[in-house]
């Protein structure tokens, strides 16, 4: 997508089919700028992710620097920068560093928007002056995030309004100004959503949203499906879900203990705020994060399935809860030292599992894909098609943009490949590309298919001409990848 943006000099490339969100204020947009400068979309995304990482950390520091002590602020920065991210894979797990920092850094843009908007909200609450330039920048940020997706309305604007109403009920000073500010940001967000709808109609921007039919669940669905599902999704985000993996690998005990510790810190912080009826800026920020998570959970419970990723505001709740615990422990040096030691241990364990596992495991398969990519380039292959990203993305990276990747996510009854409808590029799924394209299919993926899907795939593979296979067997990785070529149009229209 970033490469197409750079080539066509537009945020909405004509060949691209968007999914649930567009990209107006997001990492791929920044990557497009770097792509134009470097000519390599892989390096561009890495540079863009680095810039977004610094922006996240900067927005957090600006948001909270007026409301917590400097040492506490630094502890929060450590926690936010990875001390509590329990994805256990910096490169491949969507709950790892990918959420905010590495690769596409999915929600970096929303994170920056949340911290800047919350920072202005807290300053208004405290009666600290805000410049007009700052208000305009935050309003434009909410407008751009509204163009991105309606997600911002749920995780930022609605919790902000509810927090302002909460302060008004408590008859807090400046609460009316907080309500006006929150409504102004909601208006900016809605204007962004409307603007995007207009642009889609006028510019014929193509999209295939996954969420098109939203309806309230039945009571039976609520009890039997939605409650267990959301509990499972939330447990995955908090890291408690790793408890189920201990029986397979004892090393997960360390991460599970860390997850329990962070959850307890959140519980202690929230309960302390409720008991003390604390309305300090830090306490209000924690209340805001809690409301945001509850709204996401409410949508999942009563309407449609949430992904565990949608609870990413949990990371901010943990960060602020850690800050709160450090703040209320002022003067208790021993307890604070114990807490800091625990955080240091958790962070060290988390970094270890996020990076060492990748280095150890991916050394084998990256060596394999590097060799495979060299063979494909030697065969003058320009396109590779794979099922659900199976063995495709490393080839794109190692080829330095020379090999384009096409993803299909299902097979028709006639044995034709059905391209992934969202995030689809027309120039890739073009029948004219078949004479310079290979289809990859690994044994491990075929074995994971259900019986019904296996029949369709066997019919699909019968339409292809077998070229060769490549095997690899290492300590961490063993795979057999079969390579095929198509002599006929194999794509489903």
Protein backbone atom coordinates (compact mmCIF):
# COMPACT_ATOMS: atom_id res chain seq x y z
CA UNK A 1 0.00 0.00 0.00
CA UNK A 2 2.78 2.45 0.89
CA UNK A 3 4.50 1.72 -2.40
CA UNK A 4 1.29 2.40 -4.35
CA UNK A 5 0.75 5.63 -2.41
CA UNK A 6 4.27 6.74 -3.31
CA UNK A 7 3.93 5.78 -6.97
CA UNK A 8 0.50 7.38 -7.51
CA UNK A 9 1.01 10.29 -5.06
CA UNK A 10 -2.34 9.70 -3.39
CA UNK A 11 -3.67 8.31 -0.11
CA UNK A 12 -6.19 6.24 -2.04
CA UNK A 13 -4.47 4.24 -4.81
CA UNK A 14 -6.86 3.25 -7.56
CA UNK A 15 -5.74 -0.39 -7.57
CA UNK A 16 -6.22 -0.94 -3.83
CA UNK A 17 -9.29 -2.32 -2.06
CA UNK A 18 -9.47 -1.05 1.52
CA UNK A 19 -10.86 -2.98 4.48
CA UNK A 20 -12.37 -1.64 7.71
CA UNK A 21 -10.19 1.44 7.76
CA UNK A 22 -8.54 3.94 5.47
CA UNK A 23 -5.10 5.45 6.00
CA UNK A 24 -5.02 9.22 6.37
CA UNK A 25 -3.09 9.60 9.61
CA UNK A 26 -1.30 6.25 9.93
CA UNK A 27 2.06 4.52 9.67
CA UNK A 28 1.65 3.47 5.98
CA UNK A 29 1.24 7.14 4.99
CA UNK A 30 4.54 8.07 6.61
CA UNK A 31 6.07 4.96 5.05
CA UNK A 32 4.94 6.22 1.62
CA UNK A 33 7.03 9.35 2.14
CA UNK A 34 10.09 7.27 3.03
CA UNK A 35 9.32 4.95 0.12
CA UNK A 36 9.49 7.91 -2.22
CA UNK A 37 12.84 8.89 -0.72
CA UNK A 38 14.45 5.43 -0.48
CA UNK A 39 12.68 3.48 -3.23
CA UNK A 40 12.32 0.50 -0.89
CA UNK A 41 8.97 -0.05 0.86
CA UNK A 42 10.49 -2.50 3.36
CA UNK A 43 13.03 0.02 4.64
CA UNK A 44 10.38 2.72 4.42
CA UNK A 45 8.08 0.85 6.80
CA UNK A 46 10.93 0.27 9.23
CA UNK A 47 11.81 3.98 9.23
CA UNK A 48 8.15 4.97 9.56
CA UNK A 49 7.72 2.62 12.52
CA UNK A 50 10.77 4.19 14.20
CA UNK A 51 9.32 7.67 13.76
CA UNK A 52 5.94 6.55 15.09
CA UNK A 53 7.63 4.92 18.09
CA UNK A 54 9.33 8.18 19.01
CA UNK A 55 6.03 10.02 18.42
CA UNK A 56 4.19 7.66 20.79
CA UNK A 57 6.76 8.15 23.50
CA UNK A 58 6.79 11.91 22.94
CA UNK A 59 2.99 12.17 23.06
CA UNK A 60 2.91 10.19 26.31
CA UNK A 61 5.56 12.42 27.90
CA UNK A 62 3.70 15.56 26.83
CA UNK A 63 0.38 14.18 28.05
CA UNK A 64 1.51 13.31 31.58
CA UNK A 65 4.53 15.51 32.33
CA UNK A 66 2.47 18.18 34.14
CA UNK A 67 0.70 15.67 36.39
CA UNK A 68 3.27 13.18 37.69
CA UNK A 69 6.76 13.34 39.14
CA UNK A 70 9.69 13.01 36.75
CA UNK A 71 10.78 9.63 38.13
CA UNK A 72 7.24 8.29 37.86
CA UNK A 73 7.02 9.63 34.31
CA UNK A 74 10.16 7.69 33.37
CA UNK A 75 8.77 4.48 34.95
CA UNK A 76 5.64 4.91 32.82
CA UNK A 77 7.77 5.41 29.71
CA UNK A 78 9.59 2.15 30.44
CA UNK A 79 6.31 0.29 30.90
CA UNK A 80 4.80 1.78 27.73
CA UNK A 81 7.95 1.00 25.74
CA UNK A 82 7.65 -2.73 26.29
CA UNK A 83 7.78 -3.53 29.96
CA UNK A 84 4.26 -5.01 29.84
CA UNK A 85 3.70 -6.06 26.22
CA UNK A 86 3.09 -9.80 26.42
CA UNK A 87 2.98 -10.74 22.75
CA UNK A 88 6.13 -12.92 22.97
CA UNK A 89 7.09 -12.09 19.41
CA UNK A 90 8.27 -8.70 18.20
CA UNK A 91 7.91 -9.68 14.55
CA UNK A 92 5.08 -12.16 14.16
CA UNK A 93 2.60 -11.87 17.05
CA UNK A 94 -0.07 -9.19 16.61
CA UNK A 95 -0.20 -8.73 20.39
CA UNK A 96 3.53 -8.20 20.60
CA UNK A 97 5.45 -5.09 19.63
CA UNK A 98 3.53 -4.98 16.33
CA UNK A 99 0.59 -3.30 18.06
CA UNK A 100 2.43 -0.03 18.55
CA UNK A 101 6.02 -0.24 17.41
CA UNK A 102 7.24 -2.76 14.84
CA UNK A 103 6.22 -3.42 11.24
CA UNK A 104 2.92 -1.65 10.44
CA UNK A 105 2.50 -0.57 14.09
CA UNK A 106 -1.26 -1.00 13.72
CA UNK A 107 -2.51 1.43 16.33
CA UNK A 108 0.33 3.93 16.63
CA UNK A 109 -1.82 6.67 15.08
CA UNK A 110 -4.67 6.10 17.56
CA UNK A 111 -2.19 6.01 20.44
CA UNK A 112 -0.73 9.39 19.50
CA UNK A 113 -4.24 10.80 19.11
CA UNK A 114 -5.31 9.46 22.51
CA UNK A 115 -2.33 10.90 24.38
CA UNK A 116 -2.49 14.34 22.77
CA UNK A 117 -6.27 14.64 23.16
CA UNK A 118 -6.18 13.36 26.75
CA UNK A 119 -3.30 15.74 27.49
CA UNK A 120 -5.39 18.75 26.42
CA UNK A 121 -8.40 17.41 28.35
CA UNK A 122 -6.37 17.09 31.58
CA UNK A 123 -4.85 20.54 31.15
CA UNK A 124 -8.30 22.07 30.76
CA UNK A 125 -9.40 20.16 33.86
CA UNK A 126 -6.49 21.62 35.83
CA UNK A 127 -7.01 25.11 34.47
CA UNK A 128 -3.72 25.11 32.57
CA UNK A 129 -3.73 27.37 29.54
CA UNK A 130 -3.91 25.79 26.08
CA UNK A 131 -2.84 27.68 22.97
CA UNK A 132 -5.15 27.96 19.96
CA UNK A 133 -2.50 26.24 17.81
CA UNK A 134 -2.55 23.23 20.13
CA UNK A 135 -6.36 23.03 20.01
CA UNK A 136 -6.34 23.25 16.22
CA UNK A 137 -3.69 20.51 15.92
CA UNK A 138 -5.63 18.16 18.22
CA UNK A 139 -8.88 18.91 16.35
CA UNK A 140 -7.21 18.13 13.02
CA UNK A 141 -5.80 14.95 14.52
CA UNK A 142 -9.30 13.83 15.57
CA UNK A 143 -10.59 14.76 12.11
CA UNK A 144 -7.91 12.65 10.39
CA UNK A 145 -8.47 9.71 12.75
CA UNK A 146 -12.18 9.96 11.98
CA UNK A 147 -11.31 9.61 8.30
CA UNK A 148 -9.26 6.55 9.20
CA UNK A 149 -12.01 4.61 10.94
CA UNK A 150 -14.99 4.84 13.27
CA UNK A 151 -12.78 3.01 15.79
CA UNK A 152 -11.52 6.33 17.18
CA UNK A 153 -15.07 7.31 18.11
CA UNK A 154 -15.37 4.26 20.32
CA UNK A 155 -11.95 4.23 21.97
CA UNK A 156 -11.34 7.98 22.32
CA UNK A 157 -14.26 10.33 21.77
CA UNK A 158 -17.00 8.45 23.64
CA UNK A 159 -14.81 7.73 26.71
CA UNK A 160 -13.71 11.39 26.69
CA UNK A 161 -17.31 12.62 26.80
CA UNK A 162 -18.25 10.13 29.52
CA UNK A 163 -15.21 11.21 31.57
CA UNK A 164 -16.27 14.85 31.21
CA UNK A 165 -19.82 14.01 32.29
CA UNK A 166 -18.39 12.11 35.26
CA UNK A 167 -16.48 15.25 36.32
CA UNK A 168 -19.59 17.39 35.82
CA UNK A 169 -21.64 15.10 38.07
CA UNK A 170 -18.95 15.48 40.72
CA UNK A 171 -19.27 19.28 40.25
CA UNK A 172 -15.59 19.66 39.49
CA UNK A 173 -14.15 22.97 38.41
CA UNK A 174 -13.79 23.40 34.61
CA UNK A 175 -15.98 20.33 33.98
CA UNK A 176 -18.19 22.37 31.61
CA UNK A 177 -15.11 23.32 29.60
CA UNK A 178 -14.15 19.63 29.50
CA UNK A 179 -17.59 18.78 28.12
CA UNK A 180 -17.32 21.49 25.45
CA UNK A 181 -13.85 20.28 24.47
CA UNK A 182 -14.99 16.65 24.31
CA UNK A 183 -17.99 17.58 22.14
CA UNK A 184 -15.70 19.62 19.89
CA UNK A 185 -13.38 16.65 19.39
CA UNK A 186 -16.38 14.41 18.71
CA UNK A 187 -17.58 16.92 16.12
CA UNK A 188 -14.14 16.90 14.47
CA UNK A 189 -14.22 13.11 14.46
CA UNK A 190 -17.71 12.94 12.94
CA UNK A 191 -16.74 15.50 10.29
CA UNK A 192 -13.81 13.26 9.39
CA UNK A 193 -16.11 10.25 9.07
CA UNK A 194 -18.52 12.23 6.86
CA UNK A 195 -15.67 13.59 4.74
CA UNK A 196 -14.41 10.06 4.14
CA UNK A 197 -17.89 8.93 3.08
CA UNK A 198 -18.01 11.80 0.58
CA UNK A 199 -14.54 11.02 -0.77
CA UNK A 200 -15.42 7.35 -1.19
CA UNK A 201 -18.46 8.29 -3.28
CA UNK A 202 -16.80 11.05 -5.32
CA UNK A 203 -13.44 9.33 -5.93
CA UNK A 204 -14.88 5.80 -6.26
CA UNK A 205 -12.54 4.53 -3.54
CA UNK A 206 -13.03 0.80 -3.25
CA UNK A 207 -13.47 -0.92 0.07
CA UNK A 208 -14.68 -4.24 1.42
CA UNK A 209 -15.54 -3.63 5.09
CA UNK A 210 -15.79 -6.78 7.17
CA UNK A 211 -18.39 -5.14 9.42
CA UNK A 212 -21.40 -4.36 7.23
CA UNK A 213 -24.36 -5.92 9.03
CA UNK A 214 -24.31 -4.83 12.67
CA UNK A 215 -27.17 -6.09 14.79
CA UNK A 216 -27.71 -6.79 18.46
CA UNK A 217 -27.23 -10.38 19.54
CA UNK A 218 -29.95 -12.53 21.04
CA UNK A 219 -29.93 -13.36 24.75
CA UNK A 220 -28.90 -16.94 24.01
CA UNK A 221 -26.01 -15.78 21.82
CA UNK A 222 -25.01 -13.37 24.58
CA UNK A 223 -24.80 -16.19 27.15
CA UNK A 224 -23.45 -19.02 25.02
CA UNK A 225 -21.09 -17.22 22.64
CA UNK A 226 -20.37 -13.57 23.38
CA UNK A 227 -19.47 -13.73 27.07
CA UNK A 228 -16.99 -16.66 26.72
CA UNK A 229 -15.53 -15.13 23.55
CA UNK A 230 -14.90 -11.66 25.00
CA UNK A 231 -13.49 -13.17 28.19
CA UNK A 232 -11.07 -15.17 26.06
CA UNK A 233 -10.11 -12.16 23.91
CA UNK A 234 -9.53 -9.92 26.91
CA UNK A 235 -7.47 -12.60 28.66
CA UNK A 236 -5.25 -12.80 25.58
CA UNK A 237 -4.65 -9.06 25.62
CA UNK A 238 -3.85 -8.97 29.34
CA UNK A 239 -1.45 -11.91 29.03
CA UNK A 240 -3.49 -14.14 31.35
CA UNK A 241 -4.23 -16.36 28.37
CA UNK A 242 -0.65 -17.61 28.50
CA UNK A 243 -1.64 -19.65 31.55
CA UNK A 244 -3.23 -22.14 29.16
CA UNK A 245 0.10 -22.64 27.39
CA UNK A 246 2.09 -23.59 30.48
CA UNK A 247 1.16 -27.26 30.02
CA UNK A 248 2.89 -27.15 26.60
CA UNK A 249 5.91 -25.05 27.55
CA UNK A 250 7.00 -24.29 31.12
CA UNK A 251 8.74 -21.09 30.01
CA UNK A 252 5.31 -19.45 29.82
CA UNK A 253 5.20 -19.52 33.63
CA UNK A 254 7.41 -16.41 33.74
CA UNK A 255 5.20 -14.45 31.37
CA UNK A 256 2.02 -15.59 33.12
CA UNK A 257 3.37 -14.43 36.50
CA UNK A 258 4.21 -11.07 34.94
CA UNK A 259 0.69 -10.82 33.51
CA UNK A 260 -0.87 -11.58 36.90
CA UNK A 261 1.33 -8.91 38.49
CA UNK A 262 0.29 -6.21 35.99
CA UNK A 263 -3.40 -7.12 36.32
CA UNK A 264 -3.10 -6.85 40.10
CA UNK A 265 -1.47 -3.42 39.74
CA UNK A 266 -4.40 -2.26 37.61
CA UNK A 267 -6.91 -3.64 40.11
CA UNK A 268 -5.09 -1.98 43.03
CA UNK A 269 -4.95 1.36 41.20
CA UNK A 270 -8.63 1.32 40.20
CA UNK A 271 -9.85 0.16 43.63
CA UNK A 272 -7.70 2.80 45.36
CA UNK A 273 -9.16 5.51 43.12
CA UNK A 274 -12.70 4.38 43.93
CA UNK A 275 -12.09 4.12 47.68
CA UNK A 276 -10.32 7.48 47.92
CA UNK A 277 -12.69 9.06 45.39
CA UNK A 278 -9.53 10.39 43.80
CA UNK A 279 -10.07 12.94 41.03
CA UNK A 280 -6.44 13.84 40.35
CA UNK A 281 -5.47 14.15 36.65
CA UNK A 282 -3.71 10.77 36.75
CA UNK A 283 -6.79 9.14 38.30
CA UNK A 284 -9.03 10.69 35.64
CA UNK A 285 -6.71 9.37 32.91
CA UNK A 286 -7.04 5.89 34.40
CA UNK A 287 -10.84 6.24 34.52
CA UNK A 288 -10.78 7.30 30.84
CA UNK A 289 -8.80 4.17 29.85
CA UNK A 290 -11.11 1.92 31.88
CA UNK A 291 -14.19 3.43 30.20
CA UNK A 292 -12.60 2.95 26.77
CA UNK A 293 -11.97 -0.75 27.47
CA UNK A 294 -15.50 -1.23 28.85
CA UNK A 295 -17.01 0.32 25.70
CA UNK A 296 -15.00 -2.01 23.47
CA UNK A 297 -16.10 -4.93 25.63
CA UNK A 298 -19.72 -3.77 25.47
CA UNK A 299 -19.65 -3.74 21.68
CA UNK A 300 -18.22 -7.26 21.69
CA UNK A 301 -20.76 -8.53 24.20
CA UNK A 302 -23.87 -7.13 22.54
CA UNK A 303 -23.08 -6.69 18.85
CA UNK A 304 -20.20 -8.27 16.93
CA UNK A 305 -17.01 -10.21 17.57
CA UNK A 306 -14.04 -8.23 18.81
CA UNK A 307 -10.48 -9.19 18.06
CA UNK A 308 -8.20 -9.32 21.08
CA UNK A 309 -6.22 -6.53 19.41
CA UNK A 310 -9.11 -4.08 19.88
CA UNK A 311 -8.40 -4.00 23.63
CA UNK A 312 -5.03 -2.30 23.03
CA UNK A 313 -5.97 0.60 25.35
CA UNK A 314 -5.21 -1.95 28.08
CA UNK A 315 -1.52 -1.15 27.56
CA UNK A 316 -2.16 2.49 28.47
CA UNK A 317 -4.28 1.49 31.46
CA UNK A 318 -1.41 -0.65 32.79
CA UNK A 319 1.11 2.14 32.12
CA UNK A 320 -0.93 4.73 34.01
CA UNK A 321 -1.78 2.27 36.79
CA UNK A 322 1.92 1.62 37.35
CA UNK A 323 2.48 5.37 37.53
CA UNK A 324 -0.38 5.68 40.00
CA UNK A 325 1.00 2.94 42.24
CA UNK A 326 4.39 4.65 42.24
CA UNK A 327 2.74 7.97 43.01
CA UNK A 328 0.69 6.76 45.99
CA UNK A 329 3.74 4.96 47.39
CA UNK A 330 5.54 8.26 47.82
CA UNK A 331 7.74 8.06 50.91
CA UNK A 332 7.66 4.24 51.09
CA UNK A 333 11.10 3.57 49.61
CA UNK A 334 11.20 -0.16 50.35
CA UNK A 335 7.83 -0.89 48.75
CA UNK A 336 8.68 1.31 45.76
CA UNK A 337 12.01 -0.51 45.35
CA UNK A 338 10.22 -3.86 45.36
CA UNK A 339 7.72 -2.59 42.77
CA UNK A 340 10.49 -1.24 40.54
CA UNK A 341 12.40 -4.53 40.84
CA UNK A 342 9.28 -6.44 39.78
CA UNK A 343 8.78 -4.12 36.81
CA UNK A 344 12.41 -4.55 35.80
CA UNK A 345 12.10 -8.34 35.96
CA UNK A 346 8.85 -8.33 34.00
CA UNK A 347 10.30 -6.03 31.36
CA UNK A 348 13.44 -8.12 31.03
CA UNK A 349 11.45 -11.34 30.68
CA UNK A 350 9.13 -9.71 28.17
CA UNK A 351 11.95 -8.35 26.02
CA UNK A 352 13.65 -11.75 26.18
CA UNK A 353 10.60 -13.62 24.94
CA UNK A 354 9.79 -10.98 22.33
CA UNK A 355 13.22 -10.93 20.73
CA UNK A 356 15.27 -14.01 21.59
CA UNK A 357 12.53 -16.36 20.43
CA UNK A 358 12.38 -14.55 17.09
CA UNK A 359 16.14 -14.62 16.64
CA UNK A 360 16.41 -18.29 17.57
CA UNK A 361 13.37 -19.53 15.68
CA UNK A 362 13.52 -17.31 12.63
CA UNK A 363 17.20 -17.88 12.01
CA UNK A 364 16.25 -21.22 10.49
CA UNK A 365 13.24 -20.24 8.40
CA UNK A 366 14.71 -16.88 7.32
CA UNK A 367 17.74 -18.71 5.97
CA UNK A 368 15.33 -20.99 4.12
CA UNK A 369 13.32 -18.09 2.65
CA UNK A 370 16.43 -16.18 1.71
CA UNK A 371 17.59 -19.13 -0.40
CA UNK A 372 14.09 -19.63 -1.83
CA UNK A 373 13.86 -15.96 -2.81
CA UNK A 374 17.21 -16.15 -4.61
CA UNK A 375 15.94 -19.14 -6.61
CA UNK A 376 12.72 -17.30 -7.49
CA UNK A 377 14.62 -14.23 -8.64
CA UNK A 378 16.92 -16.46 -10.71
CA UNK A 379 13.79 -17.88 -12.39
CA UNK A 380 12.71 -14.29 -13.16
CA UNK A 381 9.58 -14.65 -11.00
CA UNK A 382 7.87 -11.31 -10.37
CA UNK A 383 4.71 -12.47 -8.58
CA UNK A 384 4.08 -15.03 -5.85
CA UNK A 385 0.59 -16.13 -4.77
CA UNK A 386 -0.05 -17.82 -1.45
CA UNK A 387 -2.91 -18.89 0.79
CA UNK A 388 -3.47 -16.60 3.79
CA UNK A 389 0.07 -15.19 3.81
CA UNK A 390 1.51 -18.73 3.80
CA UNK A 391 5.25 -18.33 3.26
CA UNK A 392 4.74 -15.13 1.26
CA UNK A 393 5.78 -12.10 3.31
CA UNK A 394 9.44 -13.15 3.90
CA UNK A 395 9.85 -13.51 0.13
CA UNK A 396 8.59 -9.98 -0.44
CA UNK A 397 11.04 -8.64 2.14
CA UNK A 398 14.06 -10.57 0.86
CA UNK A 399 13.33 -9.63 -2.74
CA UNK A 400 13.43 -5.89 -1.90
CA UNK A 401 10.19 -5.17 -3.77
CA UNK A 402 11.15 -7.17 -6.86
CA UNK A 403 8.57 -9.88 -6.12
CA UNK A 404 4.98 -8.80 -5.50
CA UNK A 405 2.74 -10.88 -3.23
CA UNK A 406 -0.88 -11.86 -3.85
CA UNK A 407 -2.99 -13.43 -1.12
CA UNK A 408 -6.06 -15.60 -1.63
CA UNK A 409 -8.10 -16.69 1.38
CA UNK A 410 -10.46 -19.30 -0.05
CA UNK A 411 -11.10 -21.59 -3.02
CA UNK A 412 -14.32 -21.79 -5.04
CA UNK A 413 -16.13 -25.07 -5.67
CA UNK A 414 -14.69 -24.99 -9.18
CA UNK A 415 -11.16 -24.90 -7.80
CA UNK A 416 -10.45 -21.21 -8.46
CA UNK A 417 -8.50 -18.96 -6.08
CA UNK A 418 -10.61 -16.23 -4.47
CA UNK A 419 -8.39 -13.22 -3.66
CA UNK A 420 -8.57 -11.65 -0.24
CA UNK A 421 -11.16 -8.96 -0.97
CA UNK A 422 -9.92 -6.32 1.43
CA UNK A 423 -6.32 -5.14 1.11
CA UNK A 424 -6.36 -6.35 -2.49
CA UNK A 425 -4.27 -4.86 -5.30
CA UNK A 426 -5.68 -5.29 -8.83
CA UNK A 427 -2.33 -5.07 -10.61
CA UNK A 428 -1.15 -8.13 -8.67
CA UNK A 429 -4.23 -10.26 -9.37
CA UNK A 430 -3.98 -9.88 -13.11
CA UNK A 431 -4.13 -12.88 -15.43
CA UNK A 432 -1.37 -11.32 -17.55
CA UNK A 433 1.02 -11.92 -14.64
CA UNK A 434 0.65 -15.70 -14.65
CA UNK A 435 3.53 -16.39 -17.05
CA UNK A 436 5.93 -14.75 -14.55
CA UNK A 437 4.28 -16.02 -11.37
CA UNK A 438 4.52 -18.99 -9.00
CA UNK A 439 2.02 -20.37 -6.51
CA UNK A 440 3.42 -21.53 -3.17
CA UNK A 441 1.77 -24.05 -0.92
CA UNK A 442 3.31 -25.62 2.18
CA UNK A 443 2.55 -29.05 3.60
CA UNK A 444 1.92 -27.63 7.08
CA UNK A 445 -0.91 -25.40 5.81
CA UNK A 446 -2.51 -28.21 3.84
CA UNK A 447 -2.48 -30.44 6.92
CA UNK A 448 -4.23 -27.72 8.93
CA UNK A 449 -7.17 -27.48 6.51
CA UNK A 450 -10.55 -29.03 7.29
CA UNK A 451 -11.71 -31.96 5.16
CA UNK A 452 -14.11 -29.76 3.20
CA UNK A 453 -11.38 -27.26 2.35
CA UNK A 454 -8.93 -30.01 1.44
CA UNK A 455 -11.26 -31.18 -1.36
CA UNK A 456 -11.42 -27.67 -2.82
CA UNK A 457 -7.66 -27.24 -2.58
CA UNK A 458 -6.97 -30.57 -4.25
CA UNK A 459 -9.17 -29.46 -7.14
CA UNK A 460 -7.32 -26.13 -7.19
CA UNK A 461 -3.89 -27.79 -7.19
CA UNK A 462 -4.97 -30.11 -10.04
CA UNK A 463 -5.35 -26.99 -12.20
CA UNK A 464 -1.73 -26.05 -11.56
CA UNK A 465 1.49 -27.43 -13.01
CA UNK A 466 3.97 -28.70 -10.41
CA UNK A 467 7.40 -27.06 -10.78
CA UNK A 468 9.49 -28.16 -7.81
CA UNK A 469 9.58 -28.43 -4.07
CA UNK A 470 11.98 -27.10 -1.49
CA UNK A 471 12.58 -28.83 1.85
CA UNK A 472 14.21 -27.61 4.99
CA UNK A 473 14.75 -29.22 8.36
CA UNK A 474 16.32 -27.33 11.24
CA UNK A 475 16.23 -27.24 15.02
CA UNK A 476 13.28 -24.83 15.20
CA UNK A 477 11.79 -25.13 11.76
CA UNK A 478 10.95 -27.88 9.29
CA UNK A 479 8.94 -27.30 6.15
CA UNK A 480 8.24 -28.53 2.64
CA UNK A 481 7.08 -25.88 0.20
CA UNK A 482 5.67 -26.98 -3.15
CA UNK A 483 5.93 -24.56 -6.05
CA UNK A 484 3.41 -24.51 -8.88
CA UNK A 485 2.79 -22.61 -12.09
CA UNK A 486 -0.58 -21.78 -13.69
CA UNK A 487 -1.20 -22.33 -17.40
CA UNK A 488 -4.74 -20.99 -17.28
CA UNK A 489 -6.69 -18.24 -15.58
CA UNK A 490 -6.91 -19.47 -12.01
CA UNK A 491 -8.52 -16.46 -10.29
CA UNK A 492 -12.18 -16.31 -9.35
CA UNK A 493 -13.97 -13.21 -10.65
